[in-house]
Amino acid sequence: MLDYHLHTKLCKHASGEIREYIEQAIRSDLKEICFTDHIPLPDDFDLAHRMHEQQMDLYSNWIEQARTNYPELKILYGIEADYYEGFENYLEKFLARFNFDLVIMSVHFVKHWSDGNWVFNYHFPGKTIPMIYEEYLNAIIKGINTRLFDVVGHIDIIKRNGDSLLKVVPGKISETLSALKKANMAIEINSSGFRKDANECYPGFDWLTEIRNLDLPVTVGSDAHAPEQVAFRFMEVYQQIKAHKINKMVSYRKRRMTFICGPE
């Protein structure tokens, strides 16, 4: 099993030392992990939830030291890079500066939404849930179409419990998954939703048939912000991947996708 979405305390909303995440990964029988802390953004955008750009060297050094200290585990160097319309040039230049193994695309903010309305806490009395979902997915599609990223993370993180995007806006989901296929990006199965009000993965298991039918590449991540969250509920996730006959599991090195066998 692989866990391709781990954070560090540099993002200011995670706890624990990097060695604790690694030791939990080893106890969980993981073969490979990737640290993907939150990317710095221009003009100190959302600085409360991400690194300063000056901390990138420290982040890189932590991972290099971890590789030396824990040779029994493959430890990759990644980043979770927010797509926010208008930041494309910054992202392109930033990502070119570092030798990442993996770049996860996420959308936490939508450009034209008012301040304070982000994907975890939005309030639009004048909009229906389908309208909100479509606006969010339009941002996801724009991010995919930049071709700046390798994997789309927690793709339906905006969902409210009981309002599956696949049921509410099925046409927009088809459009989004088709864009992913065209861009040769993988989709992440992110178990952190089990720790939140959604009480299910991002995306929900109801997406897995569509993912299989399109033969999309898949990664798995816990989105751990504390050591005990590494590989969170992975047995259930991998069992569902197997049950849905998804066998296009992938790994990354230097941003190159490699196909590996499906879960046994």
Protein backbone atom coordinates (compact mmCIF):
# COMPACT_ATOMS: atom_id res chain seq x y z
CA MET A 1 0.00 0.00 0.00
CA LEU A 2 1.07 3.57 -0.73
CA ASP A 3 0.10 6.81 1.02
CA TYR A 4 0.64 9.71 -1.33
CA HIS A 5 -0.73 12.60 0.71
CA LEU A 6 1.04 13.51 3.96
CA HIS A 7 1.54 16.91 5.58
CA THR A 8 4.04 18.33 8.04
CA LYS A 9 3.82 20.93 10.78
CA LEU A 10 5.21 23.51 8.34
CA CYS A 11 1.66 24.01 7.08
CA LYS A 12 0.70 25.39 10.53
CA HIS A 13 -2.37 23.18 10.92
CA ALA A 14 -0.67 19.79 11.25
CA SER A 15 1.02 18.27 14.28
CA GLY A 16 3.84 15.85 14.96
CA GLU A 17 7.36 15.34 13.70
CA ILE A 18 8.14 13.97 10.25
CA ARG A 19 9.75 10.89 11.83
CA GLU A 20 6.45 10.09 13.56
CA TYR A 21 4.60 10.03 10.26
CA ILE A 22 7.25 7.73 8.81
CA GLU A 23 7.23 5.37 11.78
CA GLN A 24 3.43 5.16 11.59
CA ALA A 25 3.75 4.36 7.87
CA ILE A 26 6.18 1.54 8.66
CA ARG A 27 3.85 0.15 11.36
CA SER A 28 1.02 0.28 8.79
CA ASP A 29 3.05 -1.84 6.34
CA LEU A 30 3.18 0.88 3.74
CA LYS A 31 5.78 0.43 1.02
CA GLU A 32 5.94 4.03 -0.11
CA ILE A 33 4.83 7.47 1.07
CA CYS A 34 4.88 10.98 -0.32
CA PHE A 35 4.98 14.16 1.70
CA THR A 36 2.84 16.78 -0.04
CA ASP A 37 2.73 19.85 2.16
CA HIS A 38 0.78 22.94 1.12
CA ILE A 39 2.48 25.14 -1.46
CA PRO A 40 3.33 28.78 -0.68
CA LEU A 41 1.18 31.15 -2.73
CA PRO A 42 1.77 34.72 -3.97
CA ASP A 43 1.17 37.77 -1.78
CA ASP A 44 0.95 35.57 1.35
CA PHE A 45 -2.40 34.20 0.13
CA ASP A 46 -3.89 31.96 2.85
CA LEU A 47 -0.61 32.05 4.74
CA ALA A 48 -2.28 30.63 7.85
CA HIS A 49 -2.52 27.21 6.17
CA ARG A 50 0.77 26.83 4.28
CA MET A 51 4.51 27.24 4.28
CA HIS A 52 6.44 30.42 3.71
CA GLU A 53 8.44 30.20 0.49
CA GLN A 54 11.59 30.61 2.58
CA GLN A 55 10.78 27.30 4.29
CA MET A 56 11.03 25.23 1.11
CA ASP A 57 14.71 24.45 1.74
CA LEU A 58 13.89 23.27 5.25
CA TYR A 59 11.07 21.09 3.87
CA SER A 60 13.40 19.56 1.28
CA ASN A 61 16.10 18.94 3.88
CA TRP A 62 13.65 17.17 6.18
CA ILE A 63 12.75 14.74 3.42
CA GLU A 64 16.37 14.12 2.43
CA GLN A 65 17.28 13.42 6.04
CA ALA A 66 14.28 11.11 6.40
CA ARG A 67 15.42 9.10 3.38
CA THR A 68 18.80 8.63 5.04
CA ASN A 69 17.31 7.68 8.40
CA TYR A 70 14.63 5.30 7.05
CA PRO A 71 16.05 3.47 4.01
CA GLU A 72 13.51 0.66 4.43
CA LEU A 73 10.69 2.96 3.25
CA LYS A 74 10.47 4.80 -0.06
CA ILE A 75 9.89 8.46 0.79
CA LEU A 76 8.90 10.82 -2.02
CA TYR A 77 9.14 14.59 -2.24
CA GLY A 78 5.86 16.18 -3.23
CA ILE A 79 3.71 19.26 -2.90
CA GLU A 80 -0.02 19.98 -2.70
CA ALA A 81 -0.46 22.89 -5.07
CA ASP A 82 -3.64 24.93 -4.93
CA TYR A 83 -5.15 25.87 -8.25
CA TYR A 84 -6.53 29.41 -7.99
CA GLU A 85 -7.37 31.27 -11.17
CA GLY A 86 -4.76 33.96 -11.80
CA PHE A 87 -1.89 32.09 -10.11
CA GLU A 88 -1.00 29.98 -13.15
CA ASN A 89 2.23 31.80 -14.04
CA TYR A 90 3.41 31.72 -10.45
CA LEU A 91 2.69 27.99 -10.18
CA GLU A 92 4.46 27.16 -13.42
CA LYS A 93 7.62 28.99 -12.32
CA PHE A 94 7.49 27.66 -8.76
CA LEU A 95 7.05 24.02 -9.76
CA ALA A 96 9.92 24.27 -12.25
CA ARG A 97 12.30 25.30 -9.45
CA PHE A 98 11.98 22.09 -7.42
CA ASN A 99 12.65 18.46 -8.19
CA PHE A 100 9.30 17.12 -7.01
CA ASP A 101 8.25 13.51 -7.39
CA LEU A 102 4.55 14.39 -7.30
CA VAL A 103 2.36 17.49 -7.55
CA ILE A 104 -1.20 17.19 -6.25
CA MET A 105 -3.72 19.73 -7.49
CA SER A 106 -6.33 20.89 -5.02
CA VAL A 107 -8.99 23.59 -5.03
CA HIS A 108 -9.69 25.18 -1.66
CA PHE A 109 -10.85 28.57 -2.95
CA VAL A 110 -12.89 29.58 -5.98
CA LYS A 111 -11.83 32.86 -7.59
CA HIS A 112 -15.11 34.77 -7.65
CA TRP A 113 -16.42 33.51 -4.30
CA SER A 114 -16.44 36.14 -1.58
CA ASP A 115 -13.83 36.12 1.17
CA GLY A 116 -14.57 33.47 3.75
CA ASN A 117 -16.42 31.22 1.33
CA TRP A 118 -14.05 28.34 0.80
CA VAL A 119 -14.74 24.69 0.18
CA PHE A 120 -14.96 23.75 3.86
CA ASN A 121 -17.25 26.56 4.91
CA TYR A 122 -19.43 28.20 2.30
CA HIS A 123 -22.75 29.97 2.61
CA PHE A 124 -24.61 31.11 -0.50
CA PRO A 125 -28.29 31.67 0.36
CA GLY A 126 -29.01 32.68 -3.23
CA LYS A 127 -27.50 29.60 -4.84
CA THR A 128 -28.64 26.01 -5.05
CA ILE A 129 -26.36 23.10 -4.22
CA PRO A 130 -26.11 22.15 -7.94
CA MET A 131 -25.01 25.71 -8.77
CA ILE A 132 -22.34 25.66 -6.06
CA TYR A 133 -21.08 22.24 -7.12
CA GLU A 134 -20.87 23.29 -10.78
CA GLU A 135 -18.91 26.45 -9.95
CA TYR A 136 -16.45 24.41 -7.92
CA LEU A 137 -16.06 21.78 -10.64
CA ASN A 138 -15.53 24.49 -13.23
CA ALA A 139 -12.51 25.56 -11.19
CA ILE A 140 -11.31 21.95 -11.00
CA ILE A 141 -11.57 21.64 -14.80
CA LYS A 142 -9.65 24.89 -15.33
CA GLY A 143 -6.91 23.56 -13.08
CA ILE A 144 -6.76 20.25 -14.93
CA ASN A 145 -6.54 22.05 -18.26
CA THR A 146 -3.41 23.97 -17.19
CA ARG A 147 -1.46 20.67 -17.37
CA LEU A 148 0.59 21.86 -14.37
CA PHE A 149 -0.30 18.98 -12.06
CA ASP A 150 -0.02 15.19 -11.79
CA VAL A 151 -2.93 14.16 -9.56
CA VAL A 152 -6.20 15.80 -8.58
CA GLY A 153 -6.68 15.56 -4.82
CA HIS A 154 -9.90 15.21 -2.79
CA ILE A 155 -11.88 16.00 -5.93
CA ASP A 156 -15.33 16.24 -4.29
CA ILE A 157 -14.24 17.83 -1.01
CA ILE A 158 -16.97 20.43 -1.42
CA LYS A 159 -19.77 17.89 -0.92
CA ARG A 160 -22.21 18.14 1.90
CA ASN A 161 -23.20 14.91 3.63
CA GLY A 162 -25.92 13.21 1.59
CA ASP A 163 -25.41 15.39 -1.50
CA SER A 164 -23.14 13.28 -3.70
CA LEU A 165 -21.80 15.29 -6.62
CA LEU A 166 -22.29 12.25 -8.83
CA LYS A 167 -26.02 12.29 -8.11
CA VAL A 168 -26.52 16.07 -8.03
CA VAL A 169 -24.45 17.11 -11.09
CA PRO A 170 -23.71 13.89 -13.05
CA GLY A 171 -23.08 15.70 -16.34
CA LYS A 172 -20.45 17.95 -14.79
CA ILE A 173 -18.77 14.91 -13.21
CA SER A 174 -18.54 13.27 -16.64
CA GLU A 175 -17.00 16.46 -18.02
CA THR A 176 -14.50 16.61 -15.15
CA LEU A 177 -13.42 12.97 -15.46
CA SER A 178 -13.10 13.32 -19.23
CA ALA A 179 -10.80 16.32 -18.71
CA LEU A 180 -8.70 14.22 -16.32
CA LYS A 181 -8.46 11.43 -18.88
CA LYS A 182 -7.38 13.84 -21.61
CA ALA A 183 -4.75 15.40 -19.34
CA ASN A 184 -3.36 11.97 -18.35
CA MET A 185 -3.74 12.87 -14.69
CA ALA A 186 -4.47 10.45 -11.87
CA ILE A 187 -7.33 10.81 -9.43
CA GLU A 188 -6.69 10.47 -5.72
CA ILE A 189 -8.85 8.35 -3.43
CA ASN A 190 -8.51 10.39 -0.25
CA SER A 191 -9.57 8.80 3.03
CA SER A 192 -9.65 12.04 5.04
CA GLY A 193 -13.37 12.42 4.36
CA PHE A 194 -13.97 9.67 6.90
CA ARG A 195 -12.63 12.08 9.52
CA LYS A 196 -14.98 14.88 8.46
CA ASP A 197 -18.71 15.52 8.16
CA ALA A 198 -18.80 13.85 4.74
CA ASN A 199 -18.15 10.51 6.48
CA GLU A 200 -16.86 8.99 3.25
CA CYS A 201 -13.86 9.17 0.94
CA TYR A 202 -13.09 11.94 -1.52
CA PRO A 203 -14.42 10.96 -3.98
CA GLY A 204 -17.12 8.73 -2.56
CA PHE A 205 -17.08 5.06 -3.47
CA ASP A 206 -20.02 5.76 -5.79
CA TRP A 207 -17.47 7.29 -8.19
CA LEU A 208 -15.39 4.12 -8.48
CA THR A 209 -17.46 2.56 -11.27
CA GLU A 210 -17.05 5.72 -13.37
CA ILE A 211 -13.32 5.78 -12.62
CA ARG A 212 -12.98 2.15 -13.69
CA ASN A 213 -15.06 2.62 -16.84
CA LEU A 214 -12.80 5.49 -17.93
CA ASP A 215 -9.70 3.50 -16.90
CA LEU A 216 -8.36 6.46 -14.94
CA PRO A 217 -5.07 6.12 -13.04
CA VAL A 218 -5.54 6.12 -9.26
CA THR A 219 -3.46 7.07 -6.22
CA VAL A 220 -4.45 6.75 -2.56
CA GLY A 221 -3.81 9.28 0.19
CA SER A 222 -4.76 9.78 3.83
CA ASP A 223 -4.22 13.56 3.80
CA ALA A 224 -2.68 13.02 7.22
CA HIS A 225 -2.22 16.11 9.37
CA ALA A 226 -1.17 14.05 12.38
CA PRO A 227 0.94 10.89 12.59
CA GLU A 228 -1.95 8.66 13.72
CA GLN A 229 -3.85 9.58 10.53
CA VAL A 230 -1.32 7.94 8.20
CA ALA A 231 -3.00 5.12 6.22
CA PHE A 232 -6.31 6.01 7.87
CA ARG A 233 -8.94 3.37 6.95
CA PHE A 234 -6.80 2.17 4.07
CA MET A 235 -7.92 -1.45 4.31
CA GLU A 236 -11.47 -0.34 3.53
CA VAL A 237 -10.32 1.91 0.71
CA TYR A 238 -8.15 -0.74 -0.92
CA GLN A 239 -10.89 -3.35 -0.54
CA GLN A 240 -13.31 -1.08 -2.40
CA ILE A 241 -10.74 -0.43 -5.12
CA LYS A 242 -10.37 -4.18 -5.55
CA ALA A 243 -14.13 -4.79 -5.45
CA HIS A 244 -14.62 -2.28 -8.27
CA LYS A 245 -11.88 -3.98 -10.30
CA ILE A 246 -9.74 -0.86 -10.51
CA ASN A 247 -6.28 -2.06 -11.49
CA LYS A 248 -4.67 1.10 -12.83
CA MET A 249 -2.88 2.01 -9.62
CA VAL A 250 0.11 4.26 -10.22
CA SER A 251 3.27 5.48 -8.52
CA TYR A 252 5.43 8.50 -9.34
CA ARG A 253 9.11 9.38 -9.57
CA LYS A 254 10.24 12.81 -10.69
CA ARG A 255 6.68 13.43 -11.86
CA ARG A 256 6.70 10.41 -14.15
CA MET A 257 3.77 8.02 -13.77
CA THR A 258 4.45 4.28 -13.46
CA PHE A 259 1.74 1.65 -13.45
CA ILE A 260 1.74 -0.85 -10.60
CA CYS A 261 -0.49 -3.84 -9.95
CA GLY A 262 -3.86 -3.35 -8.29
CA PRO A 263 -4.47 -4.18 -4.62
CA GLU A 264 -4.42 -7.85 -3.68
